[in-house]
């Protein structure tokens, strides 16, 4: 398996990765519908803002390709209320056929090294409460829970 960092300037590869990302089934949300608008909006944001972003794919191919993606991670550099620079994992996914092969730690390690180069003080990741697989992984890492969000449907 090869780890590839995809530069945000590689628009066509990024478009294919974001489209692939949006088409992935979500284990914790069976109502998810892929949206080309999501992909194009995100791509436009990436191209028009100065926010550093990192994109990595795991692929069986030595040359980056979306034909054989085993996993992907994308992250952004942000600032918290105290103006500390940090890295936020926006999405992390491993193809079902490649799970339980320690690819998640490989992707997060690449992200962590990149985040340090960007001057990040810490790494952050949010996940949905129903995403048991991600919560289980995060509990085994150095990331610790710092807050809970509670919601109520007020339209019914």
N, C-alpha and C. Protein backbone atom coordinates (compact mmCIF):
# COMPACT_ATOMS: atom_id res chain seq x y z
N UNK A 1 0.85 -1.18 0.00
CA UNK A 1 0.00 0.00 0.00
C UNK A 1 0.89 1.23 0.00
N UNK A 2 0.52 2.24 -0.76
CA UNK A 2 1.28 3.47 -0.88
C UNK A 2 0.49 4.63 -0.27
N UNK A 3 1.19 5.48 0.47
CA UNK A 3 0.58 6.68 1.05
C UNK A 3 0.95 7.86 0.15
N UNK A 4 -0.06 8.56 -0.33
CA UNK A 4 0.16 9.71 -1.23
C UNK A 4 -0.41 10.97 -0.60
N UNK A 5 0.37 12.04 -0.57
CA UNK A 5 -0.15 13.35 -0.18
C UNK A 5 -0.58 14.05 -1.45
N UNK A 6 -1.81 14.51 -1.47
CA UNK A 6 -2.36 15.19 -2.64
C UNK A 6 -2.36 16.69 -2.35
N UNK A 7 -1.71 17.45 -3.20
CA UNK A 7 -1.65 18.89 -3.01
C UNK A 7 -2.98 19.54 -3.41
N UNK A 8 -3.44 20.52 -2.63
CA UNK A 8 -4.70 21.21 -2.97
C UNK A 8 -4.70 21.82 -4.37
N UNK A 9 -3.52 22.11 -4.92
CA UNK A 9 -3.44 22.69 -6.26
C UNK A 9 -3.74 21.65 -7.35
N UNK A 10 -3.73 20.37 -7.00
CA UNK A 10 -4.04 19.31 -7.96
C UNK A 10 -5.56 19.17 -8.04
N UNK A 11 -6.18 20.13 -8.71
CA UNK A 11 -7.63 20.28 -8.72
C UNK A 11 -8.36 19.03 -9.21
N UNK A 12 -7.91 18.44 -10.29
CA UNK A 12 -8.64 17.29 -10.84
C UNK A 12 -8.58 16.09 -9.90
N UNK A 13 -7.42 15.79 -9.35
CA UNK A 13 -7.31 14.67 -8.41
C UNK A 13 -8.14 14.97 -7.16
N UNK A 14 -8.08 16.19 -6.69
CA UNK A 14 -8.85 16.58 -5.52
C UNK A 14 -10.35 16.43 -5.78
N UNK A 15 -10.81 16.84 -6.95
CA UNK A 15 -12.23 16.69 -7.31
C UNK A 15 -12.62 15.21 -7.27
N UNK A 16 -11.77 14.34 -7.80
CA UNK A 16 -12.09 12.90 -7.80
C UNK A 16 -12.11 12.34 -6.37
N UNK A 17 -11.17 12.81 -5.54
CA UNK A 17 -11.13 12.34 -4.15
C UNK A 17 -12.36 12.82 -3.38
N UNK A 18 -12.72 14.10 -3.54
CA UNK A 18 -13.88 14.64 -2.83
C UNK A 18 -15.18 13.99 -3.31
N UNK A 19 -15.26 13.68 -4.60
CA UNK A 19 -16.44 12.99 -5.12
C UNK A 19 -16.51 11.59 -4.53
N UNK A 20 -15.38 10.89 -4.52
CA UNK A 20 -15.31 9.56 -3.91
C UNK A 20 -15.72 9.64 -2.44
N UNK A 21 -15.18 10.63 -1.74
CA UNK A 21 -15.50 10.83 -0.33
C UNK A 21 -17.00 10.99 -0.12
N UNK A 22 -17.63 11.80 -0.95
CA UNK A 22 -19.05 12.07 -0.79
C UNK A 22 -19.92 10.87 -1.14
N UNK A 23 -19.41 9.96 -1.95
CA UNK A 23 -20.18 8.78 -2.35
C UNK A 23 -20.03 7.62 -1.38
N UNK A 24 -19.15 7.75 -0.41
CA UNK A 24 -18.94 6.67 0.55
C UNK A 24 -20.17 6.48 1.42
N UNK A 25 -20.57 5.24 1.64
CA UNK A 25 -21.68 5.03 2.57
C UNK A 25 -21.24 5.35 4.00
N UNK A 26 -22.11 5.99 4.74
CA UNK A 26 -21.81 6.33 6.12
C UNK A 26 -22.46 5.29 7.03
N UNK A 27 -21.64 4.59 7.79
CA UNK A 27 -22.16 3.55 8.67
C UNK A 27 -23.13 4.11 9.71
N UNK A 28 -22.91 5.34 10.10
CA UNK A 28 -23.67 5.92 11.19
C UNK A 28 -24.84 6.78 10.70
N UNK A 29 -24.97 6.95 9.37
CA UNK A 29 -26.06 7.77 8.84
C UNK A 29 -26.54 7.18 7.52
N UNK A 30 -27.56 6.37 7.58
CA UNK A 30 -28.05 5.70 6.39
C UNK A 30 -28.89 6.61 5.51
N UNK A 31 -29.08 7.87 5.92
CA UNK A 31 -29.87 8.81 5.12
C UNK A 31 -28.98 9.66 4.22
N UNK A 32 -27.66 9.48 4.30
CA UNK A 32 -26.72 10.30 3.51
C UNK A 32 -26.97 10.12 2.02
N UNK A 33 -27.03 11.24 1.30
CA UNK A 33 -27.17 11.24 -0.15
C UNK A 33 -25.99 12.01 -0.75
N UNK A 34 -25.24 11.38 -1.68
CA UNK A 34 -24.14 12.10 -2.32
C UNK A 34 -24.64 13.37 -3.00
N UNK A 35 -23.79 14.38 -3.04
CA UNK A 35 -24.18 15.66 -3.62
C UNK A 35 -23.00 16.26 -4.38
N UNK A 36 -23.15 16.41 -5.67
CA UNK A 36 -22.11 17.05 -6.47
C UNK A 36 -21.90 18.48 -6.00
N UNK A 37 -22.97 19.11 -5.49
CA UNK A 37 -22.86 20.48 -4.99
C UNK A 37 -21.89 20.53 -3.81
N UNK A 38 -21.95 19.54 -2.91
CA UNK A 38 -21.03 19.47 -1.78
C UNK A 38 -19.59 19.47 -2.28
N UNK A 39 -19.30 18.61 -3.24
CA UNK A 39 -17.95 18.48 -3.77
C UNK A 39 -17.48 19.78 -4.40
N UNK A 40 -18.30 20.39 -5.24
CA UNK A 40 -17.91 21.62 -5.93
C UNK A 40 -17.77 22.79 -4.97
N UNK A 41 -18.66 22.88 -3.97
CA UNK A 41 -18.57 23.96 -2.97
C UNK A 41 -17.28 23.83 -2.17
N UNK A 42 -16.98 22.63 -1.74
CA UNK A 42 -15.76 22.40 -0.97
C UNK A 42 -14.52 22.68 -1.82
N UNK A 43 -14.54 22.24 -3.05
CA UNK A 43 -13.41 22.49 -3.94
C UNK A 43 -13.19 23.99 -4.13
N UNK A 44 -14.28 24.73 -4.28
CA UNK A 44 -14.18 26.18 -4.44
C UNK A 44 -13.60 26.82 -3.17
N UNK A 45 -14.04 26.36 -2.00
CA UNK A 45 -13.50 26.89 -0.74
C UNK A 45 -12.00 26.63 -0.65
N UNK A 46 -11.59 25.44 -1.04
CA UNK A 46 -10.18 25.07 -0.97
C UNK A 46 -9.35 25.97 -1.87
N UNK A 47 -9.88 26.28 -3.04
CA UNK A 47 -9.13 27.07 -4.00
C UNK A 47 -9.16 28.57 -3.71
N UNK A 48 -10.12 29.04 -2.93
CA UNK A 48 -10.24 30.49 -2.72
C UNK A 48 -9.85 30.96 -1.32
N UNK A 49 -9.48 30.05 -0.45
CA UNK A 49 -9.06 30.46 0.89
C UNK A 49 -7.60 30.09 1.10
N UNK A 50 -7.00 30.75 2.05
CA UNK A 50 -5.59 30.51 2.36
C UNK A 50 -5.41 29.48 3.47
N UNK A 51 -6.47 28.82 3.88
CA UNK A 51 -6.38 27.84 4.96
C UNK A 51 -5.56 26.65 4.49
N UNK A 52 -4.47 26.32 5.19
CA UNK A 52 -3.71 25.13 4.80
C UNK A 52 -4.56 23.86 4.98
N UNK A 53 -4.55 23.01 3.98
CA UNK A 53 -5.28 21.75 4.04
C UNK A 53 -4.36 20.63 3.58
N UNK A 54 -4.53 19.48 4.20
CA UNK A 54 -3.76 18.30 3.82
C UNK A 54 -4.69 17.20 3.38
N UNK A 55 -4.32 16.51 2.30
CA UNK A 55 -5.10 15.40 1.77
C UNK A 55 -4.18 14.22 1.55
N UNK A 56 -4.57 13.07 2.06
CA UNK A 56 -3.77 11.86 1.87
C UNK A 56 -4.69 10.74 1.41
N UNK A 57 -4.17 9.89 0.53
CA UNK A 57 -4.90 8.67 0.17
C UNK A 57 -3.95 7.49 0.32
N UNK A 58 -4.52 6.36 0.68
CA UNK A 58 -3.81 5.09 0.66
C UNK A 58 -4.27 4.38 -0.59
N UNK A 59 -3.32 3.94 -1.39
CA UNK A 59 -3.67 3.33 -2.66
C UNK A 59 -2.74 2.16 -2.94
N UNK A 60 -3.28 1.16 -3.61
CA UNK A 60 -2.45 0.03 -4.04
C UNK A 60 -1.52 0.44 -5.18
N UNK A 61 -1.82 1.56 -5.81
CA UNK A 61 -1.03 2.03 -6.95
C UNK A 61 0.12 2.92 -6.50
N UNK A 62 1.26 2.77 -7.15
CA UNK A 62 2.43 3.60 -6.83
C UNK A 62 2.22 5.05 -7.25
N UNK A 63 1.34 5.27 -8.22
CA UNK A 63 0.99 6.61 -8.68
C UNK A 63 -0.39 6.94 -8.12
N UNK A 64 -0.59 8.14 -7.55
CA UNK A 64 -1.90 8.47 -6.97
C UNK A 64 -3.04 8.25 -7.96
N UNK A 65 -4.04 7.53 -7.53
CA UNK A 65 -5.18 7.21 -8.37
C UNK A 65 -6.39 6.97 -7.48
N UNK A 66 -7.56 7.35 -7.94
CA UNK A 66 -8.76 7.07 -7.16
C UNK A 66 -9.35 5.70 -7.52
N UNK A 67 -8.71 4.99 -8.44
CA UNK A 67 -9.21 3.68 -8.84
C UNK A 67 -8.99 2.62 -7.77
N UNK A 68 -8.01 2.81 -6.93
CA UNK A 68 -7.66 1.78 -5.95
C UNK A 68 -7.48 2.36 -4.55
N UNK A 69 -8.33 3.27 -4.16
CA UNK A 69 -8.19 3.92 -2.86
C UNK A 69 -8.61 2.97 -1.74
N UNK A 70 -7.70 2.76 -0.80
CA UNK A 70 -8.00 1.93 0.36
C UNK A 70 -8.45 2.79 1.53
N UNK A 71 -8.07 4.07 1.52
CA UNK A 71 -8.46 4.97 2.59
C UNK A 71 -8.07 6.39 2.26
N UNK A 72 -8.65 7.32 3.00
CA UNK A 72 -8.30 8.72 2.81
C UNK A 72 -8.49 9.50 4.09
N UNK A 73 -7.77 10.60 4.18
CA UNK A 73 -7.88 11.53 5.31
C UNK A 73 -7.68 12.92 4.75
N UNK A 74 -8.49 13.86 5.19
CA UNK A 74 -8.22 15.26 4.88
C UNK A 74 -8.40 16.09 6.13
N UNK A 75 -7.54 17.09 6.25
CA UNK A 75 -7.49 17.91 7.46
C UNK A 75 -7.28 19.37 7.10
N UNK A 76 -7.60 20.25 8.05
CA UNK A 76 -7.43 21.69 7.88
C UNK A 76 -6.71 22.27 9.09
N UNK A 77 -6.00 23.34 8.85
CA UNK A 77 -5.38 24.09 9.94
C UNK A 77 -6.35 25.20 10.34
N UNK A 78 -6.58 25.34 11.63
CA UNK A 78 -7.54 26.33 12.15
C UNK A 78 -6.93 27.03 13.36
N UNK A 79 -7.68 27.99 13.90
CA UNK A 79 -7.30 28.65 15.16
C UNK A 79 -8.48 28.53 16.13
N UNK A 80 -8.14 28.27 17.39
CA UNK A 80 -9.19 28.19 18.40
C UNK A 80 -9.45 29.58 19.00
N UNK A 81 -10.31 29.65 19.98
CA UNK A 81 -10.68 30.96 20.57
C UNK A 81 -9.50 31.69 21.18
N UNK A 82 -8.52 30.94 21.64
CA UNK A 82 -7.32 31.55 22.22
C UNK A 82 -6.27 31.84 21.16
N UNK A 83 -6.65 31.68 19.87
CA UNK A 83 -5.77 31.93 18.74
C UNK A 83 -4.63 30.91 18.62
N UNK A 84 -4.78 29.74 19.27
CA UNK A 84 -3.81 28.66 19.10
C UNK A 84 -4.07 27.97 17.76
N UNK A 85 -3.02 27.72 17.01
CA UNK A 85 -3.14 27.00 15.75
C UNK A 85 -3.29 25.52 16.06
N UNK A 86 -4.25 24.88 15.38
CA UNK A 86 -4.44 23.44 15.55
C UNK A 86 -4.86 22.82 14.23
N UNK A 87 -4.75 21.50 14.16
CA UNK A 87 -5.17 20.77 12.96
C UNK A 87 -6.46 20.03 13.28
N UNK A 88 -7.39 20.10 12.36
CA UNK A 88 -8.68 19.42 12.53
C UNK A 88 -8.83 18.36 11.43
N UNK A 89 -9.03 17.12 11.85
CA UNK A 89 -9.31 16.06 10.88
C UNK A 89 -10.75 16.24 10.43
N UNK A 90 -10.93 16.53 9.14
CA UNK A 90 -12.26 16.74 8.59
C UNK A 90 -12.93 15.43 8.19
N UNK A 91 -12.14 14.50 7.70
CA UNK A 91 -12.70 13.22 7.28
C UNK A 91 -11.62 12.16 7.29
N UNK A 92 -12.00 10.98 7.71
CA UNK A 92 -11.10 9.83 7.72
C UNK A 92 -11.94 8.63 7.36
N UNK A 93 -11.51 7.88 6.34
CA UNK A 93 -12.28 6.74 5.88
C UNK A 93 -11.35 5.65 5.39
N UNK A 94 -11.66 4.42 5.76
CA UNK A 94 -10.95 3.24 5.27
C UNK A 94 -11.97 2.35 4.57
N UNK A 95 -11.65 1.92 3.36
CA UNK A 95 -12.53 1.04 2.60
C UNK A 95 -12.77 -0.24 3.41
N UNK A 96 -14.01 -0.74 3.45
CA UNK A 96 -14.32 -1.94 4.25
C UNK A 96 -13.38 -3.13 3.99
N UNK A 97 -12.91 -3.30 2.76
CA UNK A 97 -12.02 -4.41 2.44
C UNK A 97 -10.63 -4.25 3.05
N UNK A 98 -10.29 -3.04 3.50
CA UNK A 98 -8.95 -2.77 4.01
C UNK A 98 -8.93 -2.43 5.50
N UNK A 99 -10.04 -2.60 6.16
CA UNK A 99 -10.09 -2.30 7.59
C UNK A 99 -9.36 -3.38 8.39
N UNK A 100 -9.01 -3.00 9.62
CA UNK A 100 -8.31 -3.88 10.55
C UNK A 100 -6.90 -4.26 10.06
N UNK A 101 -6.30 -3.31 9.31
CA UNK A 101 -4.93 -3.52 8.83
C UNK A 101 -4.02 -2.37 9.29
N UNK A 102 -4.45 -1.62 10.28
CA UNK A 102 -3.67 -0.51 10.85
C UNK A 102 -3.42 0.63 9.87
N UNK A 103 -4.34 0.87 8.94
CA UNK A 103 -4.20 1.98 8.02
C UNK A 103 -4.62 3.30 8.66
N UNK A 104 -5.56 3.26 9.59
CA UNK A 104 -5.99 4.50 10.25
C UNK A 104 -4.82 5.16 10.99
N UNK A 105 -4.05 4.42 11.79
CA UNK A 105 -2.89 5.06 12.43
C UNK A 105 -1.87 5.60 11.42
N UNK A 106 -1.71 4.94 10.29
CA UNK A 106 -0.78 5.41 9.26
C UNK A 106 -1.22 6.77 8.72
N UNK A 107 -2.50 6.91 8.42
CA UNK A 107 -3.02 8.19 7.92
C UNK A 107 -2.94 9.28 8.98
N UNK A 108 -3.32 8.96 10.22
CA UNK A 108 -3.28 9.99 11.27
C UNK A 108 -1.84 10.40 11.60
N UNK A 109 -0.90 9.50 11.48
CA UNK A 109 0.52 9.83 11.70
C UNK A 109 0.99 10.82 10.64
N UNK A 110 0.63 10.56 9.38
CA UNK A 110 1.00 11.48 8.30
C UNK A 110 0.39 12.85 8.55
N UNK A 111 -0.85 12.87 8.99
CA UNK A 111 -1.53 14.13 9.29
C UNK A 111 -0.85 14.86 10.46
N UNK A 112 -0.49 14.12 11.48
CA UNK A 112 0.16 14.71 12.65
C UNK A 112 1.50 15.36 12.27
N UNK A 113 2.28 14.67 11.47
CA UNK A 113 3.57 15.23 11.05
C UNK A 113 3.37 16.49 10.23
N UNK A 114 2.40 16.47 9.32
CA UNK A 114 2.08 17.65 8.52
C UNK A 114 1.62 18.80 9.41
N UNK A 115 0.76 18.48 10.39
CA UNK A 115 0.22 19.50 11.30
C UNK A 115 1.36 20.18 12.07
N UNK A 116 2.32 19.40 12.52
CA UNK A 116 3.48 19.98 13.22
C UNK A 116 4.23 20.94 12.32
N UNK A 117 4.40 20.55 11.06
CA UNK A 117 5.09 21.43 10.09
C UNK A 117 4.32 22.74 9.89
N UNK A 118 3.01 22.69 10.05
CA UNK A 118 2.17 23.87 9.89
C UNK A 118 2.12 24.72 11.17
N UNK A 119 2.78 24.26 12.23
CA UNK A 119 2.80 24.99 13.48
C UNK A 119 1.63 24.70 14.40
N UNK A 120 0.93 23.59 14.15
CA UNK A 120 -0.22 23.25 14.98
C UNK A 120 0.20 22.85 16.39
N UNK A 121 -0.57 23.31 17.35
CA UNK A 121 -0.32 23.01 18.75
C UNK A 121 -0.94 21.67 19.15
N UNK A 122 -2.08 21.34 18.51
CA UNK A 122 -2.74 20.06 18.81
C UNK A 122 -3.56 19.60 17.62
N UNK A 123 -4.00 18.36 17.70
CA UNK A 123 -4.82 17.73 16.67
C UNK A 123 -6.20 17.51 17.24
N UNK A 124 -7.21 17.83 16.45
CA UNK A 124 -8.59 17.70 16.88
C UNK A 124 -9.37 16.85 15.88
N UNK A 125 -10.34 16.12 16.37
CA UNK A 125 -11.20 15.33 15.50
C UNK A 125 -12.57 15.22 16.15
N UNK A 126 -13.60 15.57 15.40
CA UNK A 126 -14.96 15.37 15.89
C UNK A 126 -15.56 14.20 15.13
N UNK A 127 -16.46 13.51 15.77
CA UNK A 127 -17.13 12.40 15.12
C UNK A 127 -18.55 12.31 15.63
N UNK A 128 -19.40 11.71 14.85
CA UNK A 128 -20.79 11.53 15.28
C UNK A 128 -20.86 10.48 16.37
N UNK A 129 -21.78 10.70 17.30
CA UNK A 129 -21.93 9.78 18.42
C UNK A 129 -22.18 8.35 17.94
N UNK A 130 -22.92 8.19 16.84
CA UNK A 130 -23.25 6.86 16.33
C UNK A 130 -22.11 6.20 15.56
N UNK A 131 -21.01 6.90 15.35
CA UNK A 131 -19.89 6.35 14.61
C UNK A 131 -18.98 5.58 15.59
N UNK A 132 -19.42 4.39 15.95
CA UNK A 132 -18.73 3.59 16.97
C UNK A 132 -17.31 3.23 16.54
N UNK A 133 -17.10 2.95 15.26
CA UNK A 133 -15.77 2.56 14.78
C UNK A 133 -14.76 3.69 15.02
N UNK A 134 -15.14 4.92 14.68
CA UNK A 134 -14.23 6.06 14.87
C UNK A 134 -14.05 6.37 16.35
N UNK A 135 -15.13 6.33 17.10
CA UNK A 135 -15.00 6.58 18.55
C UNK A 135 -14.06 5.56 19.18
N UNK A 136 -14.16 4.31 18.79
CA UNK A 136 -13.29 3.27 19.32
C UNK A 136 -11.83 3.57 18.99
N UNK A 137 -11.56 3.98 17.74
CA UNK A 137 -10.19 4.33 17.36
C UNK A 137 -9.68 5.50 18.18
N UNK A 138 -10.49 6.56 18.29
CA UNK A 138 -10.05 7.76 19.01
C UNK A 138 -9.76 7.47 20.48
N UNK A 139 -10.53 6.58 21.07
CA UNK A 139 -10.30 6.23 22.48
C UNK A 139 -8.97 5.52 22.68
N UNK A 140 -8.43 4.91 21.63
CA UNK A 140 -7.15 4.20 21.72
C UNK A 140 -5.96 5.10 21.42
N UNK A 141 -6.20 6.33 21.01
CA UNK A 141 -5.12 7.25 20.65
C UNK A 141 -4.88 8.25 21.77
N UNK A 142 -4.02 9.20 21.47
CA UNK A 142 -3.74 10.25 22.45
C UNK A 142 -4.82 11.33 22.45
N UNK A 143 -5.77 11.29 21.51
CA UNK A 143 -6.86 12.27 21.50
C UNK A 143 -7.83 11.95 22.63
N UNK A 144 -8.23 12.98 23.34
CA UNK A 144 -9.14 12.81 24.47
C UNK A 144 -10.39 13.64 24.25
N UNK A 145 -11.55 13.16 24.71
CA UNK A 145 -12.78 13.96 24.56
C UNK A 145 -12.70 15.22 25.40
N UNK A 146 -13.15 16.35 24.81
CA UNK A 146 -13.10 17.61 25.53
C UNK A 146 -14.47 18.28 25.65
N UNK A 147 -15.46 17.82 24.89
CA UNK A 147 -16.79 18.40 25.01
C UNK A 147 -17.83 17.45 24.41
N UNK A 148 -19.06 17.66 24.80
CA UNK A 148 -20.20 16.93 24.23
C UNK A 148 -21.16 17.95 23.66
N UNK A 149 -21.81 17.60 22.59
CA UNK A 149 -22.83 18.47 22.01
C UNK A 149 -24.16 17.74 22.10
N UNK A 150 -25.16 18.42 22.61
CA UNK A 150 -26.50 17.84 22.72
C UNK A 150 -27.44 18.64 21.81
N UNK A 151 -28.33 17.93 21.13
CA UNK A 151 -29.27 18.59 20.22
C UNK A 151 -30.67 18.07 20.47
N UNK A 152 -31.63 18.92 20.10
CA UNK A 152 -33.03 18.54 20.17
C UNK A 152 -33.71 18.98 18.89
N UNK A 153 -34.51 18.12 18.30
CA UNK A 153 -35.26 18.46 17.10
C UNK A 153 -36.42 19.35 17.53
N UNK A 154 -36.41 20.60 17.11
CA UNK A 154 -37.44 21.54 17.57
C UNK A 154 -38.49 21.82 16.50
N UNK A 155 -38.35 21.15 15.34
CA UNK A 155 -39.31 21.38 14.27
C UNK A 155 -40.51 20.44 14.32
N UNK A 156 -40.48 19.45 15.16
CA UNK A 156 -41.59 18.50 15.21
C UNK A 156 -42.55 18.81 16.33
